[in-house]
Each structure stands twice: as structure tokens, then as C-alpha cells.
Amino acid sequence: MHAIRLHSFGPAEHLTYEKVEDPEPGPGQVRIAVEAAGVHLLDTAIRQGVPGPAPRLPELPTVPGREVAGTVESLGADTDPSWLGKRVVAHLGFAPGGYAELAVTDASRLHEIPARLDAAQAVAVIGTGRTALGILNFTAVTPDTVALVPAAAGGIGTLLVQYVKHAGGTVVGLAGGARKTRLVEANGADLALDYNAPEWPSRAREFLGDRRATVFLDGVGGATTAAALDLLGPGGQHLIFGWSAQGIGDDTGPLLLDEAESARRGITQVQTLGPEMMRRAGGDNPVRTLELAALDLAARGVLTPSVDRFPLAEAAAAHRALETRGTTGKVVLEP
């Protein structure tokens, strides 16, 4: 098979398209003929060898990638035979192997792909979808919700906009540049603004009138967060799931107000990623609970992920585009 291999940590050019041996499924495992493999911002940090964002760095050489979708074409010993031939999607955990024509994983990680989704959309749901729902478990979304969503053209942002709109809430979506703001508007946001334009906060205030934002769903950080916090009203929530504007490996963390300033504004700031997200998800396997919930919403049409597709052989280009904010939706490689 062909796969993308990383022989040394460094720039995107270190991702090479190579011929490698087919992986063999072990007991309780399946082999998937991959139709789509997810690319995550975390993958770019791992590729660079940046310590911190990932729990651990892989041994080299490695085949990156942790999310795949396709058809089960081979079974290991003691694996349920009913999986053979099914269209499936799986998150591989921190085992590598996704950027390839074939991938092996435990059958316990598999989900059948809903009929209305293609493989690339399924990959988006299993990764960004579960994260989006984990974030939303920190707030009650109702018709009274006024949500501020930066990076609203991204993989998670797209789904956050859709979820809030489905619940009847109001969304102010932010994105970088005219092309992305048009996508945010087409996705259903009530107002789509370019966060590169200095007047965006005043335009948001004009749109909201007497209302203030009730929840700020923030994966961006930096200057955008500083401006957006002033739009959050008393009782509002600042739900943090990243600070991408500050760059991979930035260890300064998100923009947090001190306790006195938060109290003065009457808002709460919560870092959503981590054990508390898992606790709120519930169940014996919280990650799988979120995956199942995301797939259910996608099957019912509540969530329709946006994907940015690259050929598998162009994984380096996909990484460069993601790092320079040149992508929209979930970035996916297709063999």
C-alpha cells in the first residue's frame, strides 16, 4: 500500500508519500480500506516534534493520522464477522497509521457510517463532532442563546454554528477573510464578520442592539478573544477549547481574566478540554458516548460537517494549508 511517513520531526516537507507493507489485523482487529483520513492541528504539532500538545510523541518513522473511514476488508482472529464489508469510521486513539490506503484498528473502536454521510464527512463527525458536543455540554443552548463563534468556518466552528441555530439561538460567526465569512453566512450564522477588520466589534454591537452575547465558544485566543470578551454580557460564559491564534506549542495558555475582573463583568471562563469534558459526557466510555451522539446528530441532519479535501499524496500541502489558516471545515486526506 501507499502511506505518508514521517522519518524525522520538522516542517511539512518531512511528510513523504511511500510504498510500505500492508498492515495485518491482530486478534479483535479489522483492516480498513481507507477512503478518508482526518488531519488535525495536533498532527502538525506532532510532526514538528513539539512537546506538550500531544500526550507523547511517536517513535520514528511513523505513519501519522488518528481518524479514518472506509470499508472493512479484512478481519483478525476472534473478530465479529459481521463487520466484514461494512462502511465504518474510527478514531485510532494515539496509535498511528491513519494517513494510508489501509489502516488497522480494534473492532471496539468502529462505528457504522450513517447513510447520509460520505467517508470524509464521517471522519469530521468522529473527531471534530465529538469535540463540539463535548464543548456544548458546558452550556444550555436555547432560543435565548446568543453565541459568539470565532473560527466559525473551521471544522469545530461550523458544527457549533449549526447546533446553536438548530436550537433556535442567534449566532455571530467570525472568520478570516471574505471567502470564509461567506461560508459562515451560508452555514446559517445570523451575522458573519471578518475578524481581520478592525470595525468588527462595533458591527457586532450594532447587530445585537440591546442584547449581549450569552456564550463565547472560543478556540482562537489572542486579539480576537480580547475584543470578543467585551461583547459578553453579565451571566455569560467564555468556553475555551484552544488558542490557535497564538501558535502551536504556545505555552502561555488562553486569555484569562483575573477573578476580580470576571466578577466585575459577571462572566465565567471555563477551559473545557480535559477530565471535566469526559465527566460531563458520562458513560463507561465518555469518548465513545460523544462519538455516538455526534453520529446520531449527523444521521438526523442536525450536523452537516464541512470538509476540505486533499489527495493522500499531498499531505504536506494539507499541513501547510492548515497551519496558515488556508483551510475551511475539517481537513481530510483521500487516497
Protein backbone atom coordinates (compact mmCIF):
# COMPACT_ATOMS: atom_id res chain seq x y z
CA MET A 1 0.00 0.00 0.00
CA HIS A 2 0.94 3.68 -0.11
CA ALA A 3 1.18 5.75 3.06
CA ILE A 4 2.57 9.02 4.35
CA ARG A 5 5.63 8.51 6.52
CA LEU A 6 7.48 10.83 8.86
CA HIS A 7 11.16 9.92 9.31
CA SER A 8 12.23 13.00 11.29
CA PHE A 9 10.39 15.78 13.07
CA GLY A 10 10.27 19.09 11.25
CA PRO A 11 8.49 21.02 8.50
CA ALA A 12 5.63 19.71 6.37
CA GLU A 13 8.11 18.62 3.68
CA HIS A 14 9.19 15.83 6.01
CA LEU A 15 5.90 14.05 5.23
CA THR A 16 6.73 11.68 2.36
CA TYR A 17 4.47 9.50 0.20
CA GLU A 18 5.91 5.99 0.16
CA LYS A 19 5.19 2.38 -0.63
CA VAL A 20 5.05 0.32 2.58
CA GLU A 21 3.93 -3.15 3.61
CA ASP A 22 0.24 -3.74 4.24
CA PRO A 23 -0.64 -3.82 7.96
CA GLU A 24 -2.13 -7.05 9.30
CA PRO A 25 -5.03 -7.07 11.78
CA GLY A 26 -4.43 -8.86 15.05
CA PRO A 27 -6.96 -10.58 17.31
CA GLY A 28 -10.10 -8.49 17.71
CA GLN A 29 -8.98 -6.09 14.99
CA VAL A 30 -10.06 -5.15 11.48
CA ARG A 31 -8.28 -3.74 8.45
CA ILE A 32 -9.99 -0.81 6.75
CA ALA A 33 -9.62 0.15 3.09
CA VAL A 34 -9.30 3.86 3.83
CA GLU A 35 -11.41 6.32 1.86
CA ALA A 36 -10.72 9.33 4.08
CA ALA A 37 -8.22 10.18 6.83
CA GLY A 38 -8.62 13.13 9.16
CA VAL A 39 -5.96 15.80 9.63
CA HIS A 40 -5.92 17.69 12.92
CA LEU A 41 -3.98 20.74 14.07
CA LEU A 42 -2.49 18.44 16.71
CA ASP A 43 -1.00 16.39 13.86
CA THR A 44 1.06 19.41 12.81
CA ALA A 45 2.43 19.76 16.33
CA ILE A 46 3.35 16.08 16.43
CA ARG A 47 5.02 16.39 13.01
CA GLN A 48 7.14 19.26 14.32
CA GLY A 49 8.08 17.28 17.43
CA VAL A 50 6.61 19.95 19.67
CA PRO A 51 6.31 18.59 23.22
CA GLY A 52 3.18 19.39 25.18
CA PRO A 53 0.17 19.37 22.82
CA ALA A 54 0.31 15.58 22.40
CA PRO A 55 0.47 13.19 25.39
CA ARG A 56 3.54 11.65 23.81
CA LEU A 57 5.48 11.82 20.58
CA PRO A 58 5.59 8.70 18.37
CA GLU A 59 8.65 6.66 17.63
CA LEU A 60 10.03 7.35 14.15
CA PRO A 61 9.50 6.52 11.39
CA THR A 62 5.73 6.70 11.75
CA VAL A 63 2.58 6.93 9.66
CA PRO A 64 0.64 9.86 11.17
CA GLY A 65 -3.11 10.17 11.45
CA ARG A 66 -5.70 9.11 14.01
CA GLU A 67 -9.09 9.22 12.25
CA VAL A 68 -10.11 7.03 9.31
CA ALA A 69 -13.23 5.99 7.41
CA GLY A 70 -13.71 3.35 4.74
CA THR A 71 -14.74 -0.27 4.29
CA VAL A 72 -13.70 -3.23 6.45
CA GLU A 73 -11.84 -5.56 4.08
CA SER A 74 -10.08 -7.98 6.45
CA LEU A 75 -10.56 -9.38 9.94
CA GLY A 76 -8.17 -10.56 12.60
CA ALA A 77 -8.74 -13.65 14.72
CA ASP A 78 -11.75 -13.64 17.04
CA THR A 79 -13.29 -10.58 15.38
CA ASP A 80 -17.05 -10.41 14.83
CA PRO A 81 -17.51 -11.49 11.18
CA SER A 82 -20.46 -9.14 10.73
CA TRP A 83 -18.01 -6.22 10.36
CA LEU A 84 -16.63 -7.53 7.08
CA GLY A 85 -17.70 -5.31 4.18
CA LYS A 86 -19.26 -2.60 6.33
CA ARG A 87 -18.63 1.13 5.85
CA VAL A 88 -17.07 2.29 9.09
CA VAL A 89 -15.38 5.21 10.79
CA ALA A 90 -12.98 5.03 13.72
CA HIS A 91 -10.73 7.17 15.84
CA LEU A 92 -7.47 5.29 16.27
CA GLY A 93 -6.57 6.92 19.58
CA PHE A 94 -2.88 7.75 19.72
CA ALA A 95 -1.92 4.73 17.66
CA PRO A 96 -0.55 6.00 14.34
CA GLY A 97 -1.50 4.76 10.90
CA GLY A 98 -4.29 6.93 9.51
CA TYR A 99 -2.53 8.58 6.55
CA ALA A 100 -2.56 5.41 4.48
CA GLU A 101 -4.52 3.33 2.00
CA LEU A 102 -5.05 0.66 4.68
CA ALA A 103 -5.38 1.04 8.44
CA VAL A 104 -5.77 -1.40 11.32
CA THR A 105 -7.74 -0.78 14.49
CA ASP A 106 -9.65 -2.59 17.22
CA ALA A 107 -13.19 -3.54 16.26
CA SER A 108 -14.34 -1.93 19.52
CA ARG A 109 -13.48 1.48 18.02
CA LEU A 110 -15.69 1.09 14.95
CA HIS A 111 -18.91 2.89 14.12
CA GLU A 112 -21.04 2.28 11.05
CA ILE A 113 -21.23 5.35 8.81
CA PRO A 114 -24.74 6.85 8.57
CA ALA A 115 -26.16 6.56 5.07
CA ARG A 116 -26.34 10.32 4.51
CA LEU A 117 -22.61 10.83 5.13
CA ASP A 118 -19.67 10.11 2.85
CA ALA A 119 -16.39 8.88 4.33
CA ALA A 120 -14.84 12.34 4.61
CA GLN A 121 -17.87 13.73 6.45
CA ALA A 122 -17.86 10.72 8.77
CA VAL A 123 -14.23 11.42 9.67
CA ALA A 124 -15.20 15.00 10.52
CA VAL A 125 -18.05 13.85 12.76
CA ILE A 126 -15.96 11.31 14.67
CA GLY A 127 -13.26 13.87 15.51
CA THR A 128 -14.48 17.47 15.44
CA GLY A 129 -18.08 16.42 16.02
CA ARG A 130 -17.37 14.72 19.31
CA THR A 131 -15.28 17.69 20.45
CA ALA A 132 -18.01 20.17 19.51
CA LEU A 133 -20.59 18.23 21.54
CA GLY A 134 -18.19 17.97 24.46
CA ILE A 135 -17.85 21.77 24.46
CA LEU A 136 -21.61 22.27 24.19
CA ASN A 137 -22.16 20.08 27.26
CA PHE A 138 -20.89 23.07 29.28
CA THR A 139 -23.83 25.30 28.32
CA ALA A 140 -27.59 25.10 27.82
CA VAL A 141 -28.37 26.11 24.25
CA THR A 142 -31.88 27.55 23.89
CA PRO A 143 -33.69 30.07 21.66
CA ASP A 144 -32.38 32.74 24.07
CA THR A 145 -28.76 31.82 23.39
CA VAL A 146 -26.63 34.44 21.66
CA ALA A 147 -23.43 32.69 20.67
CA LEU A 148 -20.19 34.29 19.52
CA VAL A 149 -18.15 31.80 17.47
CA PRO A 150 -14.66 32.73 16.20
CA ALA A 151 -13.10 30.46 13.56
CA ALA A 152 -16.68 29.76 12.52
CA ALA A 153 -15.55 28.43 9.11
CA GLY A 154 -13.38 25.76 10.75
CA GLY A 155 -14.25 22.15 11.46
CA ILE A 156 -15.49 22.67 15.02
CA GLY A 157 -16.83 26.17 14.39
CA THR A 158 -19.04 25.01 11.53
CA LEU A 159 -20.70 22.43 13.77
CA LEU A 160 -21.11 24.86 16.68
CA VAL A 161 -22.94 27.29 14.39
CA GLN A 162 -25.25 24.54 13.12
CA TYR A 163 -26.05 23.24 16.60
CA VAL A 164 -26.94 26.65 18.04
CA LYS A 165 -29.08 27.51 15.00
CA HIS A 166 -30.90 24.16 15.24
CA ALA A 167 -31.79 25.04 18.85
CA GLY A 168 -33.18 28.40 17.70
CA GLY A 169 -30.35 30.55 19.04
CA THR A 170 -28.58 33.52 17.48
CA VAL A 171 -25.03 33.22 16.13
CA VAL A 172 -22.42 35.85 15.40
CA GLY A 173 -19.71 33.99 13.48
CA LEU A 174 -16.18 35.28 12.91
CA ALA A 175 -13.75 34.15 10.22
CA GLY A 176 -10.67 35.44 8.42
CA GLY A 177 -11.35 36.97 5.01
CA ALA A 178 -14.29 37.43 2.66
CA ARG A 179 -14.33 33.85 1.35
CA LYS A 180 -14.59 32.36 4.82
CA THR A 181 -17.19 34.85 6.04
CA ARG A 182 -19.37 33.96 3.05
CA LEU A 183 -19.15 30.32 4.07
CA VAL A 184 -20.12 31.19 7.65
CA GLU A 185 -23.15 33.10 6.41
CA ALA A 186 -24.15 30.22 4.11
CA ASN A 187 -23.85 27.86 7.08
CA GLY A 188 -26.62 29.75 8.88
CA ALA A 189 -24.93 32.35 11.09
CA ASP A 190 -27.13 35.40 11.68
CA LEU A 191 -24.12 37.66 11.23
CA ALA A 192 -20.76 36.76 9.69
CA LEU A 193 -17.82 39.11 10.28
CA ASP A 194 -14.19 39.22 9.22
CA TYR A 195 -12.12 39.33 12.40
CA ASN A 196 -9.29 40.96 10.44
CA ALA A 197 -11.44 44.08 10.00
CA PRO A 198 -10.88 46.47 12.94
CA GLU A 199 -14.54 47.52 12.96
CA TRP A 200 -15.94 44.03 13.53
CA PRO A 201 -16.71 44.55 17.26
CA SER A 202 -18.72 47.71 16.53
CA ARG A 203 -20.65 45.92 13.77
CA ALA A 204 -21.46 43.11 16.18
CA ARG A 205 -22.70 45.59 18.79
CA GLU A 206 -24.84 47.32 16.19
CA PHE A 207 -26.37 44.00 15.17
CA LEU A 208 -27.05 42.89 18.75
CA GLY A 209 -28.59 46.20 19.84
CA ASP A 210 -29.76 45.84 23.43
CA ARG A 211 -28.65 42.20 23.60
CA ARG A 212 -25.26 40.85 24.65
CA ALA A 213 -23.64 37.55 23.84
CA THR A 214 -24.54 34.81 26.32
CA VAL A 215 -21.79 32.36 25.35
CA PHE A 216 -18.42 32.79 23.66
CA LEU A 217 -17.24 29.49 22.12
CA ASP A 218 -13.53 30.19 21.81
CA GLY A 219 -10.80 28.14 20.17
CA VAL A 220 -8.80 31.11 18.89
CA GLY A 221 -7.35 33.29 21.66
CA GLY A 222 -5.17 36.34 21.08
CA ALA A 223 -6.54 39.71 20.00
CA THR A 224 -9.82 38.23 18.76
CA THR A 225 -10.59 36.89 22.21
CA ALA A 226 -9.68 40.19 23.89
CA ALA A 227 -12.16 42.06 21.68
CA ALA A 228 -14.87 39.40 21.88
CA LEU A 229 -14.89 39.31 25.69
CA ASP A 230 -16.25 42.87 25.68
CA LEU A 231 -19.35 41.59 23.84
CA LEU A 232 -20.16 39.02 26.51
CA GLY A 233 -22.92 40.13 28.86
CA PRO A 234 -23.42 39.54 32.60
CA GLY A 235 -24.07 35.87 33.26
CA GLY A 236 -22.23 34.96 30.07
CA GLN A 237 -19.87 32.04 29.60
CA HIS A 238 -16.47 32.07 27.94
CA LEU A 239 -15.94 28.42 26.95
CA ILE A 240 -12.32 27.84 25.90
CA PHE A 241 -11.15 24.90 23.80
CA GLY A 242 -7.95 26.28 22.29
CA TRP A 243 -5.88 29.32 21.41
CA SER A 244 -4.84 28.63 17.81
CA ALA A 245 -4.04 32.30 17.06
CA GLN A 246 -1.12 32.06 19.47
CA GLY A 247 0.55 29.25 17.50
CA ILE A 248 1.34 25.58 18.01
CA GLY A 249 3.33 24.94 21.16
CA ASP A 250 2.44 28.30 22.77
CA ASP A 251 2.52 27.60 26.50
CA THR A 252 1.11 30.91 27.69
CA GLY A 253 -2.37 29.44 27.62
CA PRO A 254 -5.68 31.17 26.92
CA LEU A 255 -6.58 34.73 27.80
CA LEU A 256 -7.99 34.51 31.32
CA LEU A 257 -9.27 37.45 33.32
CA ASP A 258 -8.38 37.62 36.97
CA GLU A 259 -11.07 36.67 39.48
CA ALA A 260 -11.93 40.27 40.32
CA GLU A 261 -12.36 41.27 36.67
CA SER A 262 -14.50 38.22 35.91
CA ALA A 263 -16.69 39.09 38.89
CA ARG A 264 -16.96 42.72 37.78
CA ARG A 265 -18.13 41.63 34.35
CA GLY A 266 -20.32 38.88 35.79
CA ILE A 267 -18.95 36.20 33.47
CA THR A 268 -17.40 32.76 33.90
CA GLN A 269 -14.40 31.39 32.00
CA VAL A 270 -14.05 27.63 31.63
CA GLN A 271 -11.35 25.56 29.92
CA THR A 272 -13.47 22.77 28.51
CA LEU A 273 -10.90 20.23 27.28
CA GLY A 274 -9.85 17.58 29.75
CA PRO A 275 -11.33 15.45 32.53
CA GLU A 276 -14.36 17.67 33.12
CA MET A 277 -15.47 17.25 29.49
CA MET A 278 -15.24 13.48 29.92
CA ARG A 279 -17.18 13.61 33.20
CA ARG A 280 -19.99 15.60 31.59
CA ALA A 281 -20.14 13.19 28.64
CA GLY A 282 -20.87 10.33 31.02
CA GLY A 283 -20.96 6.60 30.42
CA ASP A 284 -18.31 3.95 30.85
CA ASN A 285 -16.54 5.24 27.72
CA PRO A 286 -17.08 9.02 27.52
CA VAL A 287 -15.23 9.40 24.22
CA ARG A 288 -17.47 6.80 22.59
CA THR A 289 -20.53 8.44 24.17
CA LEU A 290 -19.62 11.71 22.40
CA GLU A 291 -18.86 9.91 19.13
CA LEU A 292 -22.23 8.15 19.16
CA ALA A 293 -24.06 11.40 19.95
CA ALA A 294 -22.29 13.23 17.11
CA LEU A 295 -23.04 10.46 14.62
CA ASP A 296 -26.68 10.45 15.68
CA LEU A 297 -26.99 14.20 15.11
CA ALA A 298 -25.29 13.83 11.73
CA ALA A 299 -27.61 10.97 10.75
CA ARG A 300 -30.61 13.19 11.61
CA GLY A 301 -29.24 16.14 9.65
CA VAL A 302 -28.70 18.39 12.66
CA LEU A 303 -24.96 18.44 11.95
CA THR A 304 -23.54 18.51 8.42
CA PRO A 305 -19.76 18.77 8.56
CA SER A 306 -17.81 20.81 6.06
CA VAL A 307 -14.66 19.18 4.69
CA ASP A 308 -11.58 20.42 2.86
CA ARG A 309 -10.26 17.52 0.79
CA PHE A 310 -6.65 16.82 -0.25
CA PRO A 311 -5.20 13.76 -2.04
CA LEU A 312 -3.28 11.49 0.34
CA ALA A 313 -0.07 12.14 -1.61
CA GLU A 314 -0.43 15.87 -0.83
CA ALA A 315 -0.42 15.52 2.95
CA ALA A 316 2.38 18.08 3.21
CA ALA A 317 0.25 20.64 1.36
CA ALA A 318 -2.67 19.87 3.70
CA HIS A 319 -0.46 20.52 6.74
CA ARG A 320 0.84 23.79 5.30
CA ALA A 321 -2.68 24.98 4.49
CA LEU A 322 -3.92 24.12 7.97
CA GLU A 323 -1.01 25.86 9.67
CA THR A 324 -1.52 29.05 7.64
CA ARG A 325 -5.31 29.11 8.13
CA GLY A 326 -5.84 28.40 4.47
CA THR A 327 -8.49 25.74 5.07
CA THR A 328 -12.20 25.63 5.84
CA GLY A 329 -14.01 22.87 7.66
CA LYS A 330 -12.33 19.60 8.57
CA VAL A 331 -9.16 18.80 6.61
CA VAL A 332 -9.29 15.29 5.12
CA LEU A 333 -6.88 13.21 3.03
CA GLU A 334 -8.33 10.90 0.39
CA PRO A 335 -6.22 8.01 -1.04
